[in-house]
Amino acid sequence: MSVSVRIPTILRTYTGGAAEVNGEGETLRDVLQKLDADFPGIGARILDEAGKIRRFVNVYVGDEDVRFVDNLDTATPSGVQVSIIPAVAGG
């Protein structure tokens, strides 16, 4: 399935500055694997050593936070937007 992936500013060095890239896959896991194949190194910034989404990274498929759906097994229907959003902290 073809999807669009929104890339946060902090990760755009991996995508040559692109704010949005095309992705493919039936699940979020597939999309992230393809993203890392197309833009080597970006996957390690999104997933930890155990292959789970990093604690301070939020990922949405459409309007759904994948942590409350099926995590990496969340379906990515054709045309959906995947958003990678790093958590912001401060005070």
PDB file of N, CA and C in Angstrom:
ATOM      1  N   MET A   1       0.832  -1.168   0.000  1.00  0.00           N
ATOM      2  CA  MET A   1       0.000   0.000   0.000  1.00  0.00           C
ATOM      3  C   MET A   1       0.886   1.244   0.000  1.00  0.00           C
ATOM      4  N   SER A   2       0.556   2.202  -0.811  1.00  0.00           N
ATOM      5  CA  SER A   2       1.318   3.439  -0.892  1.00  0.00           C
ATOM      6  C   SER A   2       0.766   4.451   0.113  1.00  0.00           C
ATOM      7  N   VAL A   3       1.653   4.994   0.940  1.00  0.00           N
ATOM      8  CA  VAL A   3       1.275   5.967   1.961  1.00  0.00           C
ATOM      9  C   VAL A   3       2.231   7.152   1.896  1.00  0.00           C
ATOM     10  N   SER A   4       1.865   8.238   2.549  1.00  0.00           N
ATOM     11  CA  SER A   4       2.797   9.357   2.683  1.00  0.00           C
ATOM     12  C   SER A   4       3.279   9.370   4.130  1.00  0.00           C
ATOM     13  N   VAL A   5       4.555   9.678   4.302  1.00  0.00           N
ATOM     14  CA  VAL A   5       5.157   9.687   5.633  1.00  0.00           C
ATOM     15  C   VAL A   5       5.668  11.091   5.907  1.00  0.00           C
ATOM     16  N   ARG A   6       5.139  11.726   6.944  1.00  0.00           N
ATOM     17  CA  ARG A   6       5.588  13.063   7.347  1.00  0.00           C
ATOM     18  C   ARG A   6       6.816  12.904   8.232  1.00  0.00           C
ATOM     19  N   ILE A   7       7.867  13.611   7.858  1.00  0.00           N
ATOM     20  CA  ILE A   7       9.151  13.514   8.544  1.00  0.00           C
ATOM     21  C   ILE A   7       9.373  14.771   9.388  1.00  0.00           C
ATOM     22  N   PRO A   8       9.657  14.617  10.688  1.00  0.00           N
ATOM     23  CA  PRO A   8       9.906  15.796  11.513  1.00  0.00           C
ATOM     24  C   PRO A   8      11.241  16.449  11.142  1.00  0.00           C
ATOM     25  N   THR A   9      11.357  17.715  11.427  1.00  0.00           N
ATOM     26  CA  THR A   9      12.553  18.487  11.079  1.00  0.00           C
ATOM     27  C   THR A   9      13.832  17.801  11.527  1.00  0.00           C
ATOM     28  N   ILE A  10      13.840  17.255  12.725  1.00  0.00           N
ATOM     29  CA  ILE A  10      15.057  16.655  13.282  1.00  0.00           C
ATOM     30  C   ILE A  10      15.544  15.438  12.491  1.00  0.00           C
ATOM     31  N   LEU A  11      14.656  14.784  11.726  1.00  0.00           N
ATOM     32  CA  LEU A  11      15.036  13.595  10.954  1.00  0.00           C
ATOM     33  C   LEU A  11      15.198  13.876   9.460  1.00  0.00           C
ATOM     34  N   ARG A  12      15.019  15.105   9.051  1.00  0.00           N
ATOM     35  CA  ARG A  12      15.089  15.430   7.623  1.00  0.00           C
ATOM     36  C   ARG A  12      16.490  15.341   7.033  1.00  0.00           C
ATOM     37  N   THR A  13      17.501  15.278   7.879  1.00  0.00           N
ATOM     38  CA  THR A  13      18.859  15.077   7.352  1.00  0.00           C
ATOM     39  C   THR A  13      18.957  13.725   6.659  1.00  0.00           C
ATOM     40  N   TYR A  14      18.135  12.775   7.082  1.00  0.00           N
ATOM     41  CA  TYR A  14      18.133  11.445   6.469  1.00  0.00           C
ATOM     42  C   TYR A  14      17.401  11.434   5.129  1.00  0.00           C
ATOM     43  N   THR A  15      16.466  12.358   4.946  1.00  0.00           N
ATOM     44  CA  THR A  15      15.644  12.372   3.732  1.00  0.00           C
ATOM     45  C   THR A  15      16.047  13.483   2.771  1.00  0.00           C
ATOM     46  N   GLY A  16      17.242  14.028   2.943  1.00  0.00           N
ATOM     47  CA  GLY A  16      17.698  15.104   2.064  1.00  0.00           C
ATOM     48  C   GLY A  16      16.877  16.372   2.227  1.00  0.00           C
ATOM     49  N   GLY A  17      16.289  16.561   3.401  1.00  0.00           N
ATOM     50  CA  GLY A  17      15.512  17.747   3.688  1.00  0.00           C
ATOM     51  C   GLY A  17      14.028  17.617   3.393  1.00  0.00           C
ATOM     52  N   ALA A  18      13.612  16.487   2.840  1.00  0.00           N
ATOM     53  CA  ALA A  18      12.199  16.307   2.495  1.00  0.00           C
ATOM     54  C   ALA A  18      11.330  16.200   3.750  1.00  0.00           C
ATOM     55  N   ALA A  19      10.252  16.966   3.776  1.00  0.00           N
ATOM     56  CA  ALA A  19       9.325  16.951   4.895  1.00  0.00           C
ATOM     57  C   ALA A  19       8.322  15.810   4.787  1.00  0.00           C
ATOM     58  N   GLU A  20       8.156  15.285   3.576  1.00  0.00           N
ATOM     59  CA  GLU A  20       7.224  14.184   3.349  1.00  0.00           C
ATOM     60  C   GLU A  20       7.808  13.277   2.275  1.00  0.00           C
ATOM     61  N   VAL A  21       7.718  11.979   2.510  1.00  0.00           N
ATOM     62  CA  VAL A  21       8.233  11.001   1.551  1.00  0.00           C
ATOM     63  C   VAL A  21       7.169   9.928   1.332  1.00  0.00           C
ATOM     64  N   ASN A  22       7.316   9.209   0.251  1.00  0.00           N
ATOM     65  CA  ASN A  22       6.407   8.095  -0.029  1.00  0.00           C
ATOM     66  C   ASN A  22       6.868   6.860   0.725  1.00  0.00           C
ATOM     67  N   GLY A  23       5.914   6.084   1.184  1.00  0.00           N
ATOM     68  CA  GLY A  23       6.208   4.831   1.855  1.00  0.00           C
ATOM     69  C   GLY A  23       5.328   3.739   1.297  1.00  0.00           C
ATOM     70  N   GLU A  24       5.696   2.508   1.627  1.00  0.00           N
ATOM     71  CA  GLU A  24       4.907   1.366   1.165  1.00  0.00           C
ATOM     72  C   GLU A  24       4.866   0.302   2.241  1.00  0.00           C
ATOM     73  N   GLY A  25       3.736  -0.384   2.310  1.00  0.00           N
ATOM     74  CA  GLY A  25       3.607  -1.495   3.235  1.00  0.00           C
ATOM     75  C   GLY A  25       2.187  -1.646   3.724  1.00  0.00           C
ATOM     76  N   GLU A  26       1.861  -2.852   4.135  1.00  0.00           N
ATOM     77  CA  GLU A  26       0.516  -3.130   4.632  1.00  0.00           C
ATOM     78  C   GLU A  26       0.366  -2.796   6.109  1.00  0.00           C
ATOM     79  N   THR A  27       1.511  -2.754   6.822  1.00  0.00           N
ATOM     80  CA  THR A  27       1.491  -2.400   8.241  1.00  0.00           C
ATOM     81  C   THR A  27       2.536  -1.317   8.485  1.00  0.00           C
ATOM     82  N   LEU A  28       2.450  -0.690   9.643  1.00  0.00           N
ATOM     83  CA  LEU A  28       3.440   0.326  10.011  1.00  0.00           C
ATOM     84  C   LEU A  28       4.840  -0.282  10.023  1.00  0.00           C
ATOM     85  N   ARG A  29       4.971  -1.504  10.489  1.00  0.00           N
ATOM     86  CA  ARG A  29       6.272  -2.179  10.511  1.00  0.00           C
ATOM     87  C   ARG A  29       6.863  -2.230   9.091  1.00  0.00           C
ATOM     88  N   ASP A  30       6.039  -2.604   8.117  1.00  0.00           N
ATOM     89  CA  ASP A  30       6.487  -2.664   6.719  1.00  0.00           C
ATOM     90  C   ASP A  30       6.917  -1.283   6.221  1.00  0.00           C
ATOM     91  N   VAL A  31       6.113  -0.272   6.536  1.00  0.00           N
ATOM     92  CA  VAL A  31       6.410   1.093   6.095  1.00  0.00           C
ATOM     93  C   VAL A  31       7.740   1.555   6.677  1.00  0.00           C
ATOM     94  N   LEU A  32       7.968   1.301   7.961  1.00  0.00           N
ATOM     95  CA  LEU A  32       9.211   1.740   8.598  1.00  0.00           C
ATOM     96  C   LEU A  32      10.418   0.973   8.058  1.00  0.00           C
ATOM     97  N   GLN A  33      10.250  -0.296   7.755  1.00  0.00           N
ATOM     98  CA  GLN A  33      11.351  -1.072   7.163  1.00  0.00           C
ATOM     99  C   GLN A  33      11.724  -0.513   5.799  1.00  0.00           C
ATOM    100  N   LYS A  34      10.723  -0.197   4.993  1.00  0.00           N
ATOM    101  CA  LYS A  34      10.967   0.381   3.668  1.00  0.00           C
ATOM    102  C   LYS A  34      11.585   1.768   3.797  1.00  0.00           C
ATOM    103  N   LEU A  35      11.112   2.543   4.765  1.00  0.00           N
ATOM    104  CA  LEU A  35      11.659   3.878   5.009  1.00  0.00           C
ATOM    105  C   LEU A  35      13.143   3.790   5.341  1.00  0.00           C
ATOM    106  N   ASP A  36      13.509   2.838   6.196  1.00  0.00           N
ATOM    107  CA  ASP A  36      14.914   2.676   6.565  1.00  0.00           C
ATOM    108  C   ASP A  36      15.746   2.158   5.396  1.00  0.00           C
ATOM    109  N   ALA A  37      15.152   1.349   4.534  1.00  0.00           N
ATOM    110  CA  ALA A  37      15.874   0.874   3.344  1.00  0.00           C
ATOM    111  C   ALA A  37      16.129   2.027   2.378  1.00  0.00           C
ATOM    112  N   ASP A  38      15.141   2.917   2.246  1.00  0.00           N
ATOM    113  CA  ASP A  38      15.278   4.061   1.343  1.00  0.00           C
ATOM    114  C   ASP A  38      16.152   5.165   1.922  1.00  0.00           C
ATOM    115  N   PHE A  39      16.130   5.313   3.246  1.00  0.00           N
ATOM    116  CA  PHE A  39      16.870   6.371   3.939  1.00  0.00           C
ATOM    117  C   PHE A  39      17.630   5.750   5.113  1.00  0.00           C
ATOM    118  N   PRO A  40      18.757   5.086   4.821  1.00  0.00           N
ATOM    119  CA  PRO A  40      19.494   4.350   5.852  1.00  0.00           C
ATOM    120  C   PRO A  40      19.788   5.183   7.100  1.00  0.00           C
ATOM    121  N   GLY A  41      19.504   4.560   8.247  1.00  0.00           N
ATOM    122  CA  GLY A  41      19.776   5.185   9.532  1.00  0.00           C
ATOM    123  C   GLY A  41      18.552   5.792  10.190  1.00  0.00           C
ATOM    124  N   ILE A  42      17.538   6.115   9.399  1.00  0.00           N
ATOM    125  CA  ILE A  42      16.359   6.762   9.986  1.00  0.00           C
ATOM    126  C   ILE A  42      15.604   5.805  10.912  1.00  0.00           C
ATOM    127  N   GLY A  43      15.618   4.525  10.587  1.00  0.00           N
ATOM    128  CA  GLY A  43      14.911   3.543  11.403  1.00  0.00           C
ATOM    129  C   GLY A  43      15.419   3.483  12.833  1.00  0.00           C
ATOM    130  N   ALA A  44      16.729   3.626  13.013  1.00  0.00           N
ATOM    131  CA  ALA A  44      17.316   3.575  14.357  1.00  0.00           C
ATOM    132  C   ALA A  44      16.918   4.781  15.200  1.00  0.00           C
ATOM    133  N   ARG A  45      16.492   5.841  14.560  1.00  0.00           N
ATOM    134  CA  ARG A  45      16.036   7.029  15.284  1.00  0.00           C
ATOM    135  C   ARG A  45      14.572   6.897  15.713  1.00  0.00           C
ATOM    136  N   ILE A  46      13.851   5.968  15.081  1.00  0.00           N
ATOM    137  CA  ILE A  46      12.433   5.775  15.377  1.00  0.00           C
ATOM    138  C   ILE A  46      12.220   4.558  16.272  1.00  0.00           C
ATOM    139  N   LEU A  47      12.981   3.495  16.022  1.00  0.00           N
ATOM    140  CA  LEU A  47      12.851   2.252  16.777  1.00  0.00           C
ATOM    141  C   LEU A  47      14.060   2.043  17.673  1.00  0.00           C
ATOM    142  N   ASP A  48      13.836   1.444  18.842  1.00  0.00           N
ATOM    143  CA  ASP A  48      14.944   1.151  19.749  1.00  0.00           C
ATOM    144  C   ASP A  48      15.617  -0.171  19.376  1.00  0.00           C
ATOM    145  N   GLU A  49      16.565  -0.589  20.184  1.00  0.00           N
ATOM    146  CA  GLU A  49      17.338  -1.802  19.909  1.00  0.00           C
ATOM    147  C   GLU A  49      16.476  -3.062  19.911  1.00  0.00           C
ATOM    148  N   ALA A  50      15.353  -3.003  20.626  1.00  0.00           N
ATOM    149  CA  ALA A  50      14.441  -4.145  20.687  1.00  0.00           C
ATOM    150  C   ALA A  50      13.427  -4.131  19.536  1.00  0.00           C
ATOM    151  N   GLY A  51      13.506  -3.113  18.681  1.00  0.00           N
ATOM    152  CA  GLY A  51      12.598  -3.023  17.551  1.00  0.00           C
ATOM    153  C   GLY A  51      11.248  -2.403  17.881  1.00  0.00           C
ATOM    154  N   LYS A  52      11.152  -1.748  19.042  1.00  0.00           N
ATOM    155  CA  LYS A  52       9.913  -1.078  19.445  1.00  0.00           C
ATOM    156  C   LYS A  52      10.046   0.421  19.201  1.00  0.00           C
ATOM    157  N   ILE A  53       8.914   1.088  19.057  1.00  0.00           N
ATOM    158  CA  ILE A  53       8.948   2.536  18.878  1.00  0.00           C
ATOM    159  C   ILE A  53       9.576   3.163  20.116  1.00  0.00           C
ATOM    160  N   ARG A  54      10.532   4.052  19.875  1.00  0.00           N
ATOM    161  CA  ARG A  54      11.221   4.708  20.992  1.00  0.00           C
ATOM    162  C   ARG A  54      10.227   5.440  21.885  1.00  0.00           C
ATOM    163  N   ARG A  55      10.565   5.515  23.139  1.00  0.00           N
ATOM    164  CA  ARG A  55       9.689   6.092  24.160  1.00  0.00           C
ATOM    165  C   ARG A  55       9.270   7.523  23.845  1.00  0.00           C
ATOM    166  N   PHE A  56      10.178   8.320  23.314  1.00  0.00           N
ATOM    167  CA  PHE A  56       9.884   9.731  23.078  1.00  0.00           C
ATOM    168  C   PHE A  56       9.574  10.037  21.619  1.00  0.00           C
ATOM    169  N   VAL A  57       9.094   9.027  20.895  1.00  0.00           N
ATOM    170  CA  VAL A  57       8.652   9.211  19.515  1.00  0.00           C
ATOM    171  C   VAL A  57       7.204   8.763  19.434  1.00  0.00           C
ATOM    172  N   ASN A  58       6.362   9.608  18.886  1.00  0.00           N
ATOM    173  CA  ASN A  58       4.955   9.269  18.679  1.00  0.00           C
ATOM    174  C   ASN A  58       4.742   9.042  17.195  1.00  0.00           C
ATOM    175  N   VAL A  59       3.985   8.028  16.864  1.00  0.00           N
ATOM    176  CA  VAL A  59       3.690   7.719  15.468  1.00  0.00           C
ATOM    177  C   VAL A  59       2.179   7.603  15.316  1.00  0.00           C
ATOM    178  N   TYR A  60       1.678   8.284  14.300  1.00  0.00           N
ATOM    179  CA  TYR A  60       0.255   8.269  13.998  1.00  0.00           C
ATOM    180  C   TYR A  60       0.038   7.701  12.610  1.00  0.00           C
ATOM    181  N   VAL A  61      -0.981   6.875  12.477  1.00  0.00           N
ATOM    182  CA  VAL A  61      -1.454   6.417  11.171  1.00  0.00           C
ATOM    183  C   VAL A  61      -2.817   7.072  11.029  1.00  0.00           C
ATOM    184  N   GLY A  62      -2.917   8.015  10.092  1.00  0.00           N
ATOM    185  CA  GLY A  62      -4.107   8.852  10.035  1.00  0.00           C
ATOM    186  C   GLY A  62      -4.154   9.673  11.308  1.00  0.00           C
ATOM    187  N   ASP A  63      -5.253   9.620  12.028  1.00  0.00           N
ATOM    188  CA  ASP A  63      -5.401  10.363  13.284  1.00  0.00           C
ATOM    189  C   ASP A  63      -5.193   9.489  14.513  1.00  0.00           C
ATOM    190  N   GLU A  64      -4.791   8.239  14.298  1.00  0.00           N
ATOM    191  CA  GLU A  64      -4.690   7.286  15.401  1.00  0.00           C
ATOM    192  C   GLU A  64      -3.259   7.129  15.900  1.00  0.00           C
ATOM    193  N   ASP A  65      -3.052   7.310  17.207  1.00  0.00           N
ATOM    194  CA  ASP A  65      -1.773   7.039  17.839  1.00  0.00           C
ATOM    195  C   ASP A  65      -1.608   5.516  17.850  1.00  0.00           C
ATOM    196  N   VAL A  66      -0.557   5.018  17.200  1.00  0.00           N
ATOM    197  CA  VAL A  66      -0.419   3.566  17.044  1.00  0.00           C
ATOM    198  C   VAL A  66      -0.259   2.835  18.367  1.00  0.00           C
ATOM    199  N   ARG A  67       0.140   3.531  19.419  1.00  0.00           N
ATOM    200  CA  ARG A  67       0.267   2.877  20.728  1.00  0.00           C
ATOM    201  C   ARG A  67      -1.091   2.425  21.258  1.00  0.00           C
ATOM    202  N   PHE A  68      -2.159   3.048  20.766  1.00  0.00           N
ATOM    203  CA  PHE A  68      -3.502   2.703  21.221  1.00  0.00           C
ATOM    204  C   PHE A  68      -4.257   1.874  20.183  1.00  0.00           C
ATOM    205  N   VAL A  69      -3.567   1.486  19.125  1.00  0.00           N
ATOM    206  CA  VAL A  69      -4.181   0.645  18.096  1.00  0.00           C
ATOM    207  C   VAL A  69      -3.431  -0.684  18.137  1.00  0.00           C
ATOM    208  N   ASP A  70      -2.626  -0.976  17.122  1.00  0.00           N
ATOM    209  CA  ASP A  70      -1.896  -2.238  17.066  1.00  0.00           C
ATOM    210  C   ASP A  70      -0.389  -2.042  16.994  1.00  0.00           C
ATOM    211  N   ASN A  71       0.095  -0.885  17.486  1.00  0.00           N
ATOM    212  CA  ASN A  71       1.526  -0.586  17.483  1.00  0.00           C
ATOM    213  C   ASN A  71       2.100  -0.779  16.081  1.00  0.00           C
ATOM    214  N   LEU A  72       3.179  -1.521  15.946  1.00  0.00           N
ATOM    215  CA  LEU A  72       3.824  -1.698  14.647  1.00  0.00           C
ATOM    216  C   LEU A  72       2.990  -2.537  13.684  1.00  0.00           C
ATOM    217  N   ASP A  73       1.996  -3.237  14.203  1.00  0.00           N
ATOM    218  CA  ASP A  73       1.120  -4.036  13.350  1.00  0.00           C
ATOM    219  C   ASP A  73      -0.112  -3.256  12.889  1.00  0.00           C
ATOM    220  N   THR A  74      -0.151  -1.951  13.151  1.00  0.00           N
ATOM    221  CA  THR A  74      -1.254  -1.106  12.696  1.00  0.00           C
ATOM    222  C   THR A  74      -1.313  -1.119  11.175  1.00  0.00           C
ATOM    223  N   ALA A  75      -2.484  -1.354  10.634  1.00  0.00           N
ATOM    224  CA  ALA A  75      -2.666  -1.378   9.177  1.00  0.00           C
ATOM    225  C   ALA A  75      -2.429   0.011   8.587  1.00  0.00           C
ATOM    226  N   THR A  76      -1.843   0.033   7.400  1.00  0.00           N
ATOM    227  CA  THR A  76      -1.579   1.288   6.692  1.00  0.00           C
ATOM    228  C   THR A  76      -2.254   1.223   5.323  1.00  0.00           C
ATOM    229  N   PRO A  77      -3.551   1.529   5.283  1.00  0.00           N
ATOM    230  CA  PRO A  77      -4.267   1.470   4.013  1.00  0.00           C
ATOM    231  C   PRO A  77      -3.711   2.478   3.010  1.00  0.00           C
ATOM    232  N   SER A  78      -3.854   2.168   1.757  1.00  0.00           N
ATOM    233  CA  SER A  78      -3.353   3.024   0.694  1.00  0.00           C
ATOM    234  C   SER A  78      -3.890   4.445   0.846  1.00  0.00           C
ATOM    235  N   GLY A  79      -2.987   5.416   0.720  1.00  0.00           N
ATOM    236  CA  GLY A  79      -3.362   6.815   0.787  1.00  0.00           C
ATOM    237  C   GLY A  79      -3.325   7.428   2.168  1.00  0.00           C
ATOM    238  N   VAL A  80      -3.157   6.626   3.212  1.00  0.00           N
ATOM    239  CA  VAL A  80      -3.142   7.161   4.570  1.00  0.00           C
ATOM    240  C   VAL A  80      -1.841   7.930   4.813  1.00  0.00           C
ATOM    241  N   GLN A  81      -1.881   8.854   5.750  1.00  0.00           N
ATOM    242  CA  GLN A  81      -0.685   9.600   6.116  1.00  0.00           C
ATOM    243  C   GLN A  81      -0.125   9.049   7.435  1.00  0.00           C
ATOM    244  N   VAL A  82       1.156   8.759   7.445  1.00  0.00           N
ATOM    245  CA  VAL A  82       1.868   8.324   8.638  1.00  0.00           C
ATOM    246  C   VAL A  82       2.662   9.530   9.129  1.00  0.00           C
ATOM    247  N   SER A  83       2.484   9.889  10.391  1.00  0.00           N
ATOM    248  CA  SER A  83       3.193  11.036  10.950  1.00  0.00           C
ATOM    249  C   SER A  83       4.115  10.571  12.067  1.00  0.00           C
ATOM    250  N   ILE A  84       5.381  10.972  11.974  1.00  0.00           N
ATOM    251  CA  ILE A  84       6.370  10.676  13.005  1.00  0.00           C
ATOM    252  C   ILE A  84       6.594  11.970  13.763  1.00  0.00           C
ATOM    253  N   ILE A  85       6.324  11.935  15.064  1.00  0.00           N
ATOM    254  CA  ILE A  85       6.380  13.164  15.848  1.00  0.00           C
ATOM    255  C   ILE A  85       7.221  12.916  17.101  1.00  0.00           C
ATOM    256  N   PRO A  86       8.395  13.564  17.175  1.00  0.00           N
ATOM    257  CA  PRO A  86       9.182  13.422  18.399  1.00  0.00           C
ATOM    258  C   PRO A  86       8.516  14.181  19.535  1.00  0.00           C
ATOM    259  N   ALA A  87       8.576  13.623  20.731  1.00  0.00           N
ATOM    260  CA  ALA A  87       7.999  14.290  21.890  1.00  0.00           C
ATOM    261  C   ALA A  87       8.813  15.544  22.193  1.00  0.00           C
ATOM    262  N   VAL A  88       8.132  16.569  22.644  1.00  0.00           N
ATOM    263  CA  VAL A  88       8.778  17.834  22.996  1.00  0.00           C
ATOM    264  C   VAL A  88       8.717  17.984  24.502  1.00  0.00           C
ATOM    265  N   ALA A  89       9.857  18.306  25.089  1.00  0.00           N
ATOM    266  CA  ALA A  89       9.917  18.482  26.528  1.00  0.00           C
ATOM    267  C   ALA A  89      10.509  19.851  26.842  1.00  0.00           C
ATOM    268  N   GLY A  90      10.293  20.277  27.993  1.00  0.00           N
ATOM    269  CA  GLY A  90      10.850  21.565  28.403  1.00  0.00           C
ATOM    270  C   GLY A  90       9.959  22.215  29.420  1.00  0.00           C
ATOM    271  N   GLY A  91      10.337  23.388  29.780  1.00  0.00           N
ATOM    272  CA  GLY A  91       9.504  24.027  30.783  1.00  0.00           C
ATOM    273  C   GLY A  91       9.762  25.486  30.894  1.00  0.00           C
TER     274      GLY A  91
END
